[in-house]
Amino acid sequence: MNTCLLTRIYIVSKFIVIKTENKYKKVFIDDVLYCKADGAYTKFYFKDKKEFLCARLLKEVEKELKHFNFFRINRTYLANLNHCCEIHKNGNVEIEFLTGKKLPVSRSKCKELVERFYVYS
């Protein structure tokens, strides 16, 4: 597991440039599966199983990525719907990614998620 602390994010076309303590890293937005809130930090999870820690709130990251088909599925997670292949509705609602990873969806976000799933599928 690769983890590094991110201090700044810049959106440029279809990739983000992440400023760490001593370098800039170019990351393609489509490589991001989802983001997870971790206190005052946000952890990015990628298709290649890498993880990066960003010193920004998930709310701030959401504002920057919402135009790239990212959707806040609950208080903790921001999902890239481009990688979502199924929505499970058996008691609890979950989304499943192409990798097999499942994340919980809050009931209040379910209707909007289904609408967005149809539009962007």
PDB file of N, CA and C in Angstrom:
ATOM      1  N   MET A   1       0.847  -1.182   0.000  1.00  0.00           N
ATOM      2  CA  MET A   1       0.000   0.000   0.000  1.00  0.00           C
ATOM      3  C   MET A   1       0.886   1.237   0.000  1.00  0.00           C
ATOM      4  N   ASN A   2       0.756   2.050  -1.026  1.00  0.00           N
ATOM      5  CA  ASN A   2       1.510   3.294  -1.130  1.00  0.00           C
ATOM      6  C   ASN A   2       0.657   4.430  -0.601  1.00  0.00           C
ATOM      7  N   THR A   3       1.151   5.140   0.389  1.00  0.00           N
ATOM      8  CA  THR A   3       0.416   6.251   0.963  1.00  0.00           C
ATOM      9  C   THR A   3       1.360   7.440   1.068  1.00  0.00           C
ATOM     10  N   CYS A   4       0.904   8.607   0.634  1.00  0.00           N
ATOM     11  CA  CYS A   4       1.681   9.821   0.820  1.00  0.00           C
ATOM     12  C   CYS A   4       0.713  10.952   1.158  1.00  0.00           C
ATOM     13  N   LEU A   5       1.208  11.957   1.802  1.00  0.00           N
ATOM     14  CA  LEU A   5       0.381  13.074   2.228  1.00  0.00           C
ATOM     15  C   LEU A   5       0.293  14.109   1.114  1.00  0.00           C
ATOM     16  N   LEU A   6      -0.928  14.441   0.734  1.00  0.00           N
ATOM     17  CA  LEU A   6      -1.152  15.445  -0.305  1.00  0.00           C
ATOM     18  C   LEU A   6      -1.528  16.761   0.351  1.00  0.00           C
ATOM     19  N   THR A   7      -1.043  17.831  -0.210  1.00  0.00           N
ATOM     20  CA  THR A   7      -1.341  19.126   0.395  1.00  0.00           C
ATOM     21  C   THR A   7      -2.175  20.023  -0.502  1.00  0.00           C
ATOM     22  N   ARG A   8      -2.239  19.727  -1.801  1.00  0.00           N
ATOM     23  CA  ARG A   8      -2.984  20.580  -2.706  1.00  0.00           C
ATOM     24  C   ARG A   8      -3.403  19.795  -3.947  1.00  0.00           C
ATOM     25  N   ILE A   9      -4.560  20.148  -4.515  1.00  0.00           N
ATOM     26  CA  ILE A   9      -5.040  19.495  -5.730  1.00  0.00           C
ATOM     27  C   ILE A   9      -5.354  20.578  -6.754  1.00  0.00           C
ATOM     28  N   TYR A  10      -4.925  20.370  -7.993  1.00  0.00           N
ATOM     29  CA  TYR A  10      -5.246  21.262  -9.093  1.00  0.00           C
ATOM     30  C   TYR A  10      -5.927  20.432 -10.180  1.00  0.00           C
ATOM     31  N   ILE A  11      -7.080  20.889 -10.674  1.00  0.00           N
ATOM     32  CA  ILE A  11      -7.777  20.189 -11.747  1.00  0.00           C
ATOM     33  C   ILE A  11      -7.300  20.760 -13.091  1.00  0.00           C
ATOM     34  N   VAL A  12      -6.825  19.878 -13.969  1.00  0.00           N
ATOM     35  CA  VAL A  12      -6.389  20.278 -15.295  1.00  0.00           C
ATOM     36  C   VAL A  12      -6.912  19.229 -16.277  1.00  0.00           C
ATOM     37  N   SER A  13      -7.885  19.606 -17.103  1.00  0.00           N
ATOM     38  CA  SER A  13      -8.464  18.707 -18.095  1.00  0.00           C
ATOM     39  C   SER A  13      -8.970  17.429 -17.447  1.00  0.00           C
ATOM     40  N   LYS A  14      -8.423  16.269 -17.841  1.00  0.00           N
ATOM     41  CA  LYS A  14      -8.897  14.980 -17.337  1.00  0.00           C
ATOM     42  C   LYS A  14      -7.969  14.382 -16.283  1.00  0.00           C
ATOM     43  N   PHE A  15      -7.109  15.178 -15.709  1.00  0.00           N
ATOM     44  CA  PHE A  15      -6.247  14.681 -14.636  1.00  0.00           C
ATOM     45  C   PHE A  15      -6.141  15.720 -13.539  1.00  0.00           C
ATOM     46  N   ILE A  16      -5.710  15.280 -12.396  1.00  0.00           N
ATOM     47  CA  ILE A  16      -5.473  16.201 -11.293  1.00  0.00           C
ATOM     48  C   ILE A  16      -3.980  16.209 -11.007  1.00  0.00           C
ATOM     49  N   VAL A  17      -3.491  17.345 -10.644  1.00  0.00           N
ATOM     50  CA  VAL A  17      -2.104  17.474 -10.222  1.00  0.00           C
ATOM     51  C   VAL A  17      -2.131  17.661  -8.715  1.00  0.00           C
ATOM     52  N   ILE A  18      -1.487  16.754  -8.039  1.00  0.00           N
ATOM     53  CA  ILE A  18      -1.500  16.747  -6.587  1.00  0.00           C
ATOM     54  C   ILE A  18      -0.145  17.202  -6.080  1.00  0.00           C
ATOM     55  N   LYS A  19      -0.143  18.228  -5.264  1.00  0.00           N
ATOM     56  CA  LYS A  19       1.098  18.723  -4.685  1.00  0.00           C
ATOM     57  C   LYS A  19       1.304  18.047  -3.347  1.00  0.00           C
ATOM     58  N   THR A  20       2.386  17.316  -3.228  1.00  0.00           N
ATOM     59  CA  THR A  20       2.751  16.712  -1.954  1.00  0.00           C
ATOM     60  C   THR A  20       3.739  17.648  -1.283  1.00  0.00           C
ATOM     61  N   GLU A  21       4.364  17.200  -0.231  1.00  0.00           N
ATOM     62  CA  GLU A  21       5.279  18.067   0.503  1.00  0.00           C
ATOM     63  C   GLU A  21       6.471  18.511  -0.342  1.00  0.00           C
ATOM     64  N   ASN A  22       6.938  17.624  -1.267  1.00  0.00           N
ATOM     65  CA  ASN A  22       8.140  17.976  -2.019  1.00  0.00           C
ATOM     66  C   ASN A  22       8.066  17.687  -3.517  1.00  0.00           C
ATOM     67  N   LYS A  23       6.883  17.391  -4.064  1.00  0.00           N
ATOM     68  CA  LYS A  23       6.765  17.127  -5.498  1.00  0.00           C
ATOM     69  C   LYS A  23       5.331  17.306  -5.965  1.00  0.00           C
ATOM     70  N   TYR A  24       5.160  17.323  -7.278  1.00  0.00           N
ATOM     71  CA  TYR A  24       3.845  17.354  -7.898  1.00  0.00           C
ATOM     72  C   TYR A  24       3.624  16.007  -8.568  1.00  0.00           C
ATOM     73  N   LYS A  25       2.413  15.460  -8.420  1.00  0.00           N
ATOM     74  CA  LYS A  25       2.096  14.164  -9.013  1.00  0.00           C
ATOM     75  C   LYS A  25       0.876  14.318  -9.899  1.00  0.00           C
ATOM     76  N   LYS A  26       0.990  13.860 -11.161  1.00  0.00           N
ATOM     77  CA  LYS A  26      -0.106  13.910 -12.114  1.00  0.00           C
ATOM     78  C   LYS A  26      -0.875  12.594 -12.012  1.00  0.00           C
ATOM     79  N   VAL A  27      -2.196  12.696 -11.756  1.00  0.00           N
ATOM     80  CA  VAL A  27      -3.037  11.514 -11.588  1.00  0.00           C
ATOM     81  C   VAL A  27      -4.249  11.668 -12.501  1.00  0.00           C
ATOM     82  N   PHE A  28      -4.487  10.681 -13.349  1.00  0.00           N
ATOM     83  CA  PHE A  28      -5.650  10.733 -14.211  1.00  0.00           C
ATOM     84  C   PHE A  28      -6.916  10.482 -13.395  1.00  0.00           C
ATOM     85  N   ILE A  29      -7.903  11.338 -13.567  1.00  0.00           N
ATOM     86  CA  ILE A  29      -9.139  11.266 -12.788  1.00  0.00           C
ATOM     87  C   ILE A  29      -9.818   9.913 -12.953  1.00  0.00           C
ATOM     88  N   ASP A  30      -9.752   9.359 -14.157  1.00  0.00           N
ATOM     89  CA  ASP A  30     -10.411   8.077 -14.398  1.00  0.00           C
ATOM     90  C   ASP A  30      -9.736   6.922 -13.641  1.00  0.00           C
ATOM     91  N   ASP A  31      -8.527   7.124 -13.146  1.00  0.00           N
ATOM     92  CA  ASP A  31      -7.847   6.086 -12.359  1.00  0.00           C
ATOM     93  C   ASP A  31      -8.325   6.053 -10.908  1.00  0.00           C
ATOM     94  N   VAL A  32      -9.060   7.086 -10.480  1.00  0.00           N
ATOM     95  CA  VAL A  32      -9.567   7.157  -9.111  1.00  0.00           C
ATOM     96  C   VAL A  32     -10.866   6.360  -9.027  1.00  0.00           C
ATOM     97  N   LEU A  33     -10.920   5.376  -8.120  1.00  0.00           N
ATOM     98  CA  LEU A  33     -12.149   4.614  -7.890  1.00  0.00           C
ATOM     99  C   LEU A  33     -13.077   5.375  -6.962  1.00  0.00           C
ATOM    100  N   TYR A  34     -12.536   5.781  -5.815  1.00  0.00           N
ATOM    101  CA  TYR A  34     -13.344   6.500  -4.841  1.00  0.00           C
ATOM    102  C   TYR A  34     -12.435   7.233  -3.866  1.00  0.00           C
ATOM    103  N   CYS A  35     -13.044   8.124  -3.092  1.00  0.00           N
ATOM    104  CA  CYS A  35     -12.350   8.875  -2.054  1.00  0.00           C
ATOM    105  C   CYS A  35     -13.075   8.613  -0.739  1.00  0.00           C
ATOM    106  N   LYS A  36     -12.311   8.598   0.339  1.00  0.00           N
ATOM    107  CA  LYS A  36     -12.875   8.320   1.657  1.00  0.00           C
ATOM    108  C   LYS A  36     -12.443   9.400   2.644  1.00  0.00           C
ATOM    109  N   ALA A  37     -13.422   9.930   3.380  1.00  0.00           N
ATOM    110  CA  ALA A  37     -13.120  10.919   4.415  1.00  0.00           C
ATOM    111  C   ALA A  37     -12.377  10.242   5.562  1.00  0.00           C
ATOM    112  N   ASP A  38     -11.375  10.943   6.061  1.00  0.00           N
ATOM    113  CA  ASP A  38     -10.587  10.442   7.187  1.00  0.00           C
ATOM    114  C   ASP A  38     -10.254  11.630   8.080  1.00  0.00           C
ATOM    115  N   GLY A  39     -11.267  12.067   8.841  1.00  0.00           N
ATOM    116  CA  GLY A  39     -11.105  13.262   9.672  1.00  0.00           C
ATOM    117  C   GLY A  39     -10.962  14.484   8.782  1.00  0.00           C
ATOM    118  N   ALA A  40      -9.869  15.246   8.987  1.00  0.00           N
ATOM    119  CA  ALA A  40      -9.610  16.434   8.178  1.00  0.00           C
ATOM    120  C   ALA A  40      -8.881  16.084   6.883  1.00  0.00           C
ATOM    121  N   TYR A  41      -8.736  14.806   6.594  1.00  0.00           N
ATOM    122  CA  TYR A  41      -8.035  14.327   5.408  1.00  0.00           C
ATOM    123  C   TYR A  41      -8.988  13.566   4.494  1.00  0.00           C
ATOM    124  N   THR A  42      -8.559  13.359   3.261  1.00  0.00           N
ATOM    125  CA  THR A  42      -9.283  12.523   2.305  1.00  0.00           C
ATOM    126  C   THR A  42      -8.290  11.539   1.716  1.00  0.00           C
ATOM    127  N   LYS A  43      -8.687  10.276   1.685  1.00  0.00           N
ATOM    128  CA  LYS A  43      -7.835   9.245   1.103  1.00  0.00           C
ATOM    129  C   LYS A  43      -8.387   8.893  -0.270  1.00  0.00           C
ATOM    130  N   PHE A  44      -7.513   8.938  -1.280  1.00  0.00           N
ATOM    131  CA  PHE A  44      -7.852   8.567  -2.645  1.00  0.00           C
ATOM    132  C   PHE A  44      -7.490   7.103  -2.857  1.00  0.00           C
ATOM    133  N   TYR A  45      -8.412   6.340  -3.457  1.00  0.00           N
ATOM    134  CA  TYR A  45      -8.178   4.937  -3.780  1.00  0.00           C
ATOM    135  C   TYR A  45      -8.196   4.788  -5.300  1.00  0.00           C
ATOM    136  N   PHE A  46      -7.179   4.125  -5.848  1.00  0.00           N
ATOM    137  CA  PHE A  46      -6.994   4.026  -7.291  1.00  0.00           C
ATOM    138  C   PHE A  46      -7.196   2.602  -7.804  1.00  0.00           C
ATOM    139  N   LYS A  47      -7.407   2.502  -9.134  1.00  0.00           N
ATOM    140  CA  LYS A  47      -7.597   1.199  -9.787  1.00  0.00           C
ATOM    141  C   LYS A  47      -6.414   0.267  -9.545  1.00  0.00           C
ATOM    142  N   ASP A  48      -5.217   0.825  -9.493  1.00  0.00           N
ATOM    143  CA  ASP A  48      -4.016  -0.004  -9.313  1.00  0.00           C
ATOM    144  C   ASP A  48      -3.727  -0.310  -7.840  1.00  0.00           C
ATOM    145  N   LYS A  49      -4.724  -0.070  -6.988  1.00  0.00           N
ATOM    146  CA  LYS A  49      -4.677  -0.370  -5.551  1.00  0.00           C
ATOM    147  C   LYS A  49      -3.802   0.592  -4.742  1.00  0.00           C
ATOM    148  N   LYS A  50      -3.285   1.641  -5.374  1.00  0.00           N
ATOM    149  CA  LYS A  50      -2.523   2.650  -4.639  1.00  0.00           C
ATOM    150  C   LYS A  50      -3.487   3.532  -3.864  1.00  0.00           C
ATOM    151  N   GLU A  51      -2.971   4.157  -2.830  1.00  0.00           N
ATOM    152  CA  GLU A  51      -3.746   5.087  -2.007  1.00  0.00           C
ATOM    153  C   GLU A  51      -2.906   6.325  -1.766  1.00  0.00           C
ATOM    154  N   PHE A  52      -3.575   7.493  -1.769  1.00  0.00           N
ATOM    155  CA  PHE A  52      -2.900   8.742  -1.447  1.00  0.00           C
ATOM    156  C   PHE A  52      -3.729   9.497  -0.432  1.00  0.00           C
ATOM    157  N   LEU A  53      -3.072  10.099   0.521  1.00  0.00           N
ATOM    158  CA  LEU A  53      -3.741  10.868   1.559  1.00  0.00           C
ATOM    159  C   LEU A  53      -3.612  12.351   1.245  1.00  0.00           C
ATOM    160  N   CYS A  54      -4.744  13.031   1.234  1.00  0.00           N
ATOM    161  CA  CYS A  54      -4.809  14.446   0.897  1.00  0.00           C
ATOM    162  C   CYS A  54      -5.213  15.241   2.139  1.00  0.00           C
ATOM    163  N   ALA A  55      -4.532  16.328   2.392  1.00  0.00           N
ATOM    164  CA  ALA A  55      -4.823  17.167   3.553  1.00  0.00           C
ATOM    165  C   ALA A  55      -5.951  18.144   3.248  1.00  0.00           C
ATOM    166  N   ARG A  56      -7.072  17.605   2.774  1.00  0.00           N
ATOM    167  CA  ARG A  56      -8.252  18.410   2.476  1.00  0.00           C
ATOM    168  C   ARG A  56      -9.487  17.641   2.886  1.00  0.00           C
ATOM    169  N   LEU A  57     -10.541  18.353   3.209  1.00  0.00           N
ATOM    170  CA  LEU A  57     -11.806  17.721   3.568  1.00  0.00           C
ATOM    171  C   LEU A  57     -12.445  17.085   2.338  1.00  0.00           C
ATOM    172  N   LEU A  58     -13.205  16.022   2.553  1.00  0.00           N
ATOM    173  CA  LEU A  58     -13.908  15.360   1.452  1.00  0.00           C
ATOM    174  C   LEU A  58     -14.865  16.337   0.763  1.00  0.00           C
ATOM    175  N   LYS A  59     -15.460  17.222   1.528  1.00  0.00           N
ATOM    176  CA  LYS A  59     -16.376  18.222   0.979  1.00  0.00           C
ATOM    177  C   LYS A  59     -15.677  19.095  -0.066  1.00  0.00           C
ATOM    178  N   GLU A  60     -14.437  19.465   0.183  1.00  0.00           N
ATOM    179  CA  GLU A  60     -13.671  20.277  -0.764  1.00  0.00           C
ATOM    180  C   GLU A  60     -13.313  19.483  -2.015  1.00  0.00           C
ATOM    181  N   VAL A  61     -12.921  18.232  -1.818  1.00  0.00           N
ATOM    182  CA  VAL A  61     -12.586  17.359  -2.941  1.00  0.00           C
ATOM    183  C   VAL A  61     -13.828  17.126  -3.799  1.00  0.00           C
ATOM    184  N   GLU A  62     -14.977  16.940  -3.144  1.00  0.00           N
ATOM    185  CA  GLU A  62     -16.238  16.729  -3.858  1.00  0.00           C
ATOM    186  C   GLU A  62     -16.544  17.898  -4.800  1.00  0.00           C
ATOM    187  N   LYS A  63     -16.357  19.112  -4.337  1.00  0.00           N
ATOM    188  CA  LYS A  63     -16.624  20.292  -5.164  1.00  0.00           C
ATOM    189  C   LYS A  63     -15.765  20.291  -6.422  1.00  0.00           C
ATOM    190  N   GLU A  64     -14.533  19.816  -6.304  1.00  0.00           N
ATOM    191  CA  GLU A  64     -13.614  19.830  -7.434  1.00  0.00           C
ATOM    192  C   GLU A  64     -13.861  18.677  -8.411  1.00  0.00           C
ATOM    193  N   LEU A  65     -14.397  17.559  -7.926  1.00  0.00           N
ATOM    194  CA  LEU A  65     -14.543  16.374  -8.771  1.00  0.00           C
ATOM    195  C   LEU A  65     -15.975  16.076  -9.220  1.00  0.00           C
ATOM    196  N   LYS A  66     -16.952  16.818  -8.736  1.00  0.00           N
ATOM    197  CA  LYS A  66     -18.345  16.494  -9.058  1.00  0.00           C
ATOM    198  C   LYS A  66     -18.651  16.593 -10.550  1.00  0.00           C
ATOM    199  N   HIS A  67     -17.903  17.391 -11.286  1.00  0.00           N
ATOM    200  CA  HIS A  67     -18.132  17.535 -12.725  1.00  0.00           C
ATOM    201  C   HIS A  67     -17.515  16.399 -13.531  1.00  0.00           C
ATOM    202  N   PHE A  68     -16.841  15.476 -12.845  1.00  0.00           N
ATOM    203  CA  PHE A  68     -16.201  14.336 -13.495  1.00  0.00           C
ATOM    204  C   PHE A  68     -16.902  13.033 -13.116  1.00  0.00           C
ATOM    205  N   ASN A  69     -18.209  13.114 -12.843  1.00  0.00           N
ATOM    206  CA  ASN A  69     -19.049  11.962 -12.523  1.00  0.00           C
ATOM    207  C   ASN A  69     -18.708  11.314 -11.179  1.00  0.00           C
ATOM    208  N   PHE A  70     -18.250  12.113 -10.230  1.00  0.00           N
ATOM    209  CA  PHE A  70     -18.078  11.643  -8.855  1.00  0.00           C
ATOM    210  C   PHE A  70     -19.343  11.998  -8.090  1.00  0.00           C
ATOM    211  N   PHE A  71     -19.767  11.107  -7.217  1.00  0.00           N
ATOM    212  CA  PHE A  71     -21.022  11.293  -6.496  1.00  0.00           C
ATOM    213  C   PHE A  71     -20.834  10.922  -5.026  1.00  0.00           C
ATOM    214  N   ARG A  72     -21.298  11.792  -4.153  1.00  0.00           N
ATOM    215  CA  ARG A  72     -21.202  11.570  -2.707  1.00  0.00           C
ATOM    216  C   ARG A  72     -22.279  10.570  -2.312  1.00  0.00           C
ATOM    217  N   ILE A  73     -21.901   9.318  -2.006  1.00  0.00           N
ATOM    218  CA  ILE A  73     -22.868   8.261  -1.721  1.00  0.00           C
ATOM    219  C   ILE A  73     -23.266   8.206  -0.252  1.00  0.00           C
ATOM    220  N   ASN A  74     -22.472   8.810   0.612  1.00  0.00           N
ATOM    221  CA  ASN A  74     -22.790   8.928   2.040  1.00  0.00           C
ATOM    222  C   ASN A  74     -21.816   9.931   2.661  1.00  0.00           C
ATOM    223  N   ARG A  75     -21.822  10.049   3.967  1.00  0.00           N
ATOM    224  CA  ARG A  75     -20.949  11.031   4.628  1.00  0.00           C
ATOM    225  C   ARG A  75     -19.469  10.746   4.414  1.00  0.00           C
ATOM    226  N   THR A  76     -19.131   9.487   4.215  1.00  0.00           N
ATOM    227  CA  THR A  76     -17.743   9.060   4.199  1.00  0.00           C
ATOM    228  C   THR A  76     -17.138   8.914   2.814  1.00  0.00           C
ATOM    229  N   TYR A  77     -17.946   8.561   1.809  1.00  0.00           N
ATOM    230  CA  TYR A  77     -17.405   8.194   0.500  1.00  0.00           C
ATOM    231  C   TYR A  77     -17.886   9.080  -0.647  1.00  0.00           C
ATOM    232  N   LEU A  78     -16.965   9.304  -1.571  1.00  0.00           N
ATOM    233  CA  LEU A  78     -17.219   9.975  -2.837  1.00  0.00           C
ATOM    234  C   LEU A  78     -16.815   8.974  -3.916  1.00  0.00           C
ATOM    235  N   ALA A  79     -17.777   8.506  -4.718  1.00  0.00           N
ATOM    236  CA  ALA A  79     -17.532   7.430  -5.675  1.00  0.00           C
ATOM    237  C   ALA A  79     -17.432   7.945  -7.103  1.00  0.00           C
ATOM    238  N   ASN A  80     -16.527   7.359  -7.866  1.00  0.00           N
ATOM    239  CA  ASN A  80     -16.417   7.633  -9.288  1.00  0.00           C
ATOM    240  C   ASN A  80     -17.397   6.695  -9.996  1.00  0.00           C
ATOM    241  N   LEU A  81     -18.512   7.234 -10.454  1.00  0.00           N
ATOM    242  CA  LEU A  81     -19.563   6.408 -11.050  1.00  0.00           C
ATOM    243  C   LEU A  81     -19.145   5.777 -12.373  1.00  0.00           C
ATOM    244  N   ASN A  82     -18.055   6.241 -12.959  1.00  0.00           N
ATOM    245  CA  ASN A  82     -17.548   5.622 -14.182  1.00  0.00           C
ATOM    246  C   ASN A  82     -17.066   4.194 -13.920  1.00  0.00           C
ATOM    247  N   HIS A  83     -16.774   3.883 -12.670  1.00  0.00           N
ATOM    248  CA  HIS A  83     -16.287   2.550 -12.313  1.00  0.00           C
ATOM    249  C   HIS A  83     -17.338   1.723 -11.579  1.00  0.00           C
ATOM    250  N   CYS A  84     -18.532   2.254 -11.435  1.00  0.00           N
ATOM    251  CA  CYS A  84     -19.614   1.553 -10.741  1.00  0.00           C
ATOM    252  C   CYS A  84     -20.359   0.678 -11.745  1.00  0.00           C
ATOM    253  N   CYS A  85     -20.504  -0.609 -11.425  1.00  0.00           N
ATOM    254  CA  CYS A  85     -21.172  -1.507 -12.374  1.00  0.00           C
ATOM    255  C   CYS A  85     -22.538  -1.981 -11.888  1.00  0.00           C
ATOM    256  N   GLU A  86     -22.805  -1.935 -10.574  1.00  0.00           N
ATOM    257  CA  GLU A  86     -24.084  -2.405 -10.045  1.00  0.00           C
ATOM    258  C   GLU A  86     -24.493  -1.611  -8.808  1.00  0.00           C
ATOM    259  N   ILE A  87     -25.812  -1.547  -8.613  1.00  0.00           N
ATOM    260  CA  ILE A  87     -26.381  -1.021  -7.372  1.00  0.00           C
ATOM    261  C   ILE A  87     -27.181  -2.157  -6.758  1.00  0.00           C
ATOM    262  N   HIS A  88     -26.828  -2.527  -5.541  1.00  0.00           N
ATOM    263  CA  HIS A  88     -27.514  -3.614  -4.840  1.00  0.00           C
ATOM    264  C   HIS A  88     -28.529  -3.015  -3.867  1.00  0.00           C
ATOM    265  N   LYS A  89     -29.763  -3.490  -3.933  1.00  0.00           N
ATOM    266  CA  LYS A  89     -30.824  -2.994  -3.047  1.00  0.00           C
ATOM    267  C   LYS A  89     -31.484  -4.183  -2.350  1.00  0.00           C
ATOM    268  N   ASN A  90     -30.774  -4.778  -1.418  1.00  0.00           N
ATOM    269  CA  ASN A  90     -31.353  -5.867  -0.639  1.00  0.00           C
ATOM    270  C   ASN A  90     -31.165  -5.523   0.847  1.00  0.00           C
ATOM    271  N   GLY A  91     -32.129  -4.791   1.378  1.00  0.00           N
ATOM    272  CA  GLY A  91     -31.998  -4.284   2.742  1.00  0.00           C
ATOM    273  C   GLY A  91     -31.197  -3.002   2.739  1.00  0.00           C
ATOM    274  N   ASN A  92     -29.888  -3.144   2.746  1.00  0.00           N
ATOM    275  CA  ASN A  92     -28.987  -1.998   2.643  1.00  0.00           C
ATOM    276  C   ASN A  92     -28.625  -1.785   1.184  1.00  0.00           C
ATOM    277  N   VAL A  93     -28.456  -0.531   0.808  1.00  0.00           N
ATOM    278  CA  VAL A  93     -28.087  -0.208  -0.570  1.00  0.00           C
ATOM    279  C   VAL A  93     -26.565  -0.098  -0.647  1.00  0.00           C
ATOM    280  N   GLU A  94     -25.999  -0.717  -1.690  1.00  0.00           N
ATOM    281  CA  GLU A  94     -24.563  -0.665  -1.914  1.00  0.00           C
ATOM    282  C   GLU A  94     -24.294  -0.466  -3.396  1.00  0.00           C
ATOM    283  N   ILE A  95     -23.166   0.164  -3.696  1.00  0.00           N
ATOM    284  CA  ILE A  95     -22.705   0.181  -5.078  1.00  0.00           C
ATOM    285  C   ILE A  95     -21.533  -0.780  -5.174  1.00  0.00           C
ATOM    286  N   GLU A  96     -21.400  -1.376  -6.350  1.00  0.00           N
ATOM    287  CA  GLU A  96     -20.279  -2.281  -6.584  1.00  0.00           C
ATOM    288  C   GLU A  96     -19.465  -1.749  -7.753  1.00  0.00           C
ATOM    289  N   PHE A  97     -18.154  -1.760  -7.574  1.00  0.00           N
ATOM    290  CA  PHE A  97     -17.240  -1.308  -8.615  1.00  0.00           C
ATOM    291  C   PHE A  97     -16.830  -2.478  -9.490  1.00  0.00           C
ATOM    292  N   LEU A  98     -16.260  -2.181 -10.633  1.00  0.00           N
ATOM    293  CA  LEU A  98     -15.782  -3.211 -11.548  1.00  0.00           C
ATOM    294  C   LEU A  98     -14.741  -4.110 -10.881  1.00  0.00           C
ATOM    295  N   THR A  99     -14.080  -3.610  -9.858  1.00  0.00           N
ATOM    296  CA  THR A  99     -13.067  -4.381  -9.128  1.00  0.00           C
ATOM    297  C   THR A  99     -13.682  -5.358  -8.132  1.00  0.00           C
ATOM    298  N   GLY A 100     -15.008  -5.244  -7.892  1.00  0.00           N
ATOM    299  CA  GLY A 100     -15.674  -6.091  -6.908  1.00  0.00           C
ATOM    300  C   GLY A 100     -15.861  -5.412  -5.561  1.00  0.00           C
ATOM    301  N   LYS A 101     -15.217  -4.288  -5.347  1.00  0.00           N
ATOM    302  CA  LYS A 101     -15.338  -3.532  -4.097  1.00  0.00           C
ATOM    303  C   LYS A 101     -16.752  -2.994  -3.975  1.00  0.00           C
ATOM    304  N   LYS A 102     -17.341  -3.115  -2.772  1.00  0.00           N
ATOM    305  CA  LYS A 102     -18.678  -2.592  -2.503  1.00  0.00           C
ATOM    306  C   LYS A 102     -18.600  -1.517  -1.429  1.00  0.00           C
ATOM    307  N   LEU A 103     -19.424  -0.470  -1.612  1.00  0.00           N
ATOM    308  CA  LEU A 103     -19.505   0.619  -0.644  1.00  0.00           C
ATOM    309  C   LEU A 103     -20.966   0.882  -0.303  1.00  0.00           C
ATOM    310  N   PRO A 104     -21.241   1.239   0.963  1.00  0.00           N
ATOM    311  CA  PRO A 104     -22.622   1.513   1.365  1.00  0.00           C
ATOM    312  C   PRO A 104     -23.116   2.860   0.847  1.00  0.00           C
ATOM    313  N   VAL A 105     -24.405   2.902   0.537  1.00  0.00           N
ATOM    314  CA  VAL A 105     -25.057   4.128   0.064  1.00  0.00           C
ATOM    315  C   VAL A 105     -26.106   4.513   1.095  1.00  0.00           C
ATOM    316  N   SER A 106     -26.131   5.777   1.492  1.00  0.00           N
ATOM    317  CA  SER A 106     -27.154   6.215   2.436  1.00  0.00           C
ATOM    318  C   SER A 106     -28.518   6.230   1.752  1.00  0.00           C
ATOM    319  N   ARG A 107     -29.561   5.988   2.519  1.00  0.00           N
ATOM    320  CA  ARG A 107     -30.918   5.962   1.961  1.00  0.00           C
ATOM    321  C   ARG A 107     -31.283   7.288   1.313  1.00  0.00           C
ATOM    322  N   SER A 108     -30.815   8.386   1.884  1.00  0.00           N
ATOM    323  CA  SER A 108     -31.152   9.704   1.348  1.00  0.00           C
ATOM    324  C   SER A 108     -30.496   9.964  -0.012  1.00  0.00           C
ATOM    325  N   LYS A 109     -29.454   9.232  -0.360  1.00  0.00           N
ATOM    326  CA  LYS A 109     -28.749   9.424  -1.631  1.00  0.00           C
ATOM    327  C   LYS A 109     -29.156   8.401  -2.691  1.00  0.00           C
ATOM    328  N   CYS A 110     -29.930   7.403  -2.310  1.00  0.00           N
ATOM    329  CA  CYS A 110     -30.257   6.283  -3.193  1.00  0.00           C
ATOM    330  C   CYS A 110     -30.968   6.719  -4.476  1.00  0.00           C
ATOM    331  N   LYS A 111     -32.012   7.516  -4.361  1.00  0.00           N
ATOM    332  CA  LYS A 111     -32.799   7.923  -5.534  1.00  0.00           C
ATOM    333  C   LYS A 111     -31.937   8.685  -6.528  1.00  0.00           C
ATOM    334  N   GLU A 112     -31.172   9.653  -6.044  1.00  0.00           N
ATOM    335  CA  GLU A 112     -30.314  10.446  -6.929  1.00  0.00           C
ATOM    336  C   GLU A 112     -29.221   9.580  -7.554  1.00  0.00           C
ATOM    337  N   LEU A 113     -28.705   8.630  -6.799  1.00  0.00           N
ATOM    338  CA  LEU A 113     -27.689   7.722  -7.332  1.00  0.00           C
ATOM    339  C   LEU A 113     -28.246   6.915  -8.495  1.00  0.00           C
ATOM    340  N   VAL A 114     -29.435   6.355  -8.327  1.00  0.00           N
ATOM    341  CA  VAL A 114     -30.051   5.557  -9.388  1.00  0.00           C
ATOM    342  C   VAL A 114     -30.277   6.416 -10.634  1.00  0.00           C
ATOM    343  N   GLU A 115     -30.733   7.646 -10.451  1.00  0.00           N
ATOM    344  CA  GLU A 115     -30.938   8.557 -11.585  1.00  0.00           C
ATOM    345  C   GLU A 115     -29.621   8.833 -12.307  1.00  0.00           C
ATOM    346  N   ARG A 116     -28.580   9.103 -11.556  1.00  0.00           N
ATOM    347  CA  ARG A 116     -27.267   9.376 -12.152  1.00  0.00           C
ATOM    348  C   ARG A 116     -26.694   8.129 -12.817  1.00  0.00           C
ATOM    349  N   PHE A 117     -26.973   6.972 -12.231  1.00  0.00           N
ATOM    350  CA  PHE A 117     -26.491   5.695 -12.780  1.00  0.00           C
ATOM    351  C   PHE A 117     -27.080   5.476 -14.171  1.00  0.00           C
ATOM    352  N   TYR A 118     -28.376   5.774 -14.344  1.00  0.00           N
ATOM    353  CA  TYR A 118     -29.013   5.633 -15.661  1.00  0.00           C
ATOM    354  C   TYR A 118     -28.448   6.625 -16.667  1.00  0.00           C
ATOM    355  N   VAL A 119     -28.250   7.844 -16.248  1.00  0.00           N
ATOM    356  CA  VAL A 119     -27.811   8.896 -17.148  1.00  0.00           C
ATOM    357  C   VAL A 119     -26.380   8.644 -17.639  1.00  0.00           C
ATOM    358  N   TYR A 120     -25.494   8.210 -16.748  1.00  0.00           N
ATOM    359  CA  TYR A 120     -24.083   8.093 -17.093  1.00  0.00           C
ATOM    360  C   TYR A 120     -23.633   6.675 -17.430  1.00  0.00           C
ATOM    361  N   SER A 121     -24.559   5.738 -17.527  1.00  0.00           N
ATOM    362  CA  SER A 121     -24.157   4.366 -17.854  1.00  0.00           C
ATOM    363  C   SER A 121     -23.952   4.197 -19.341  1.00  0.00           C
TER     364      SER A 121
END
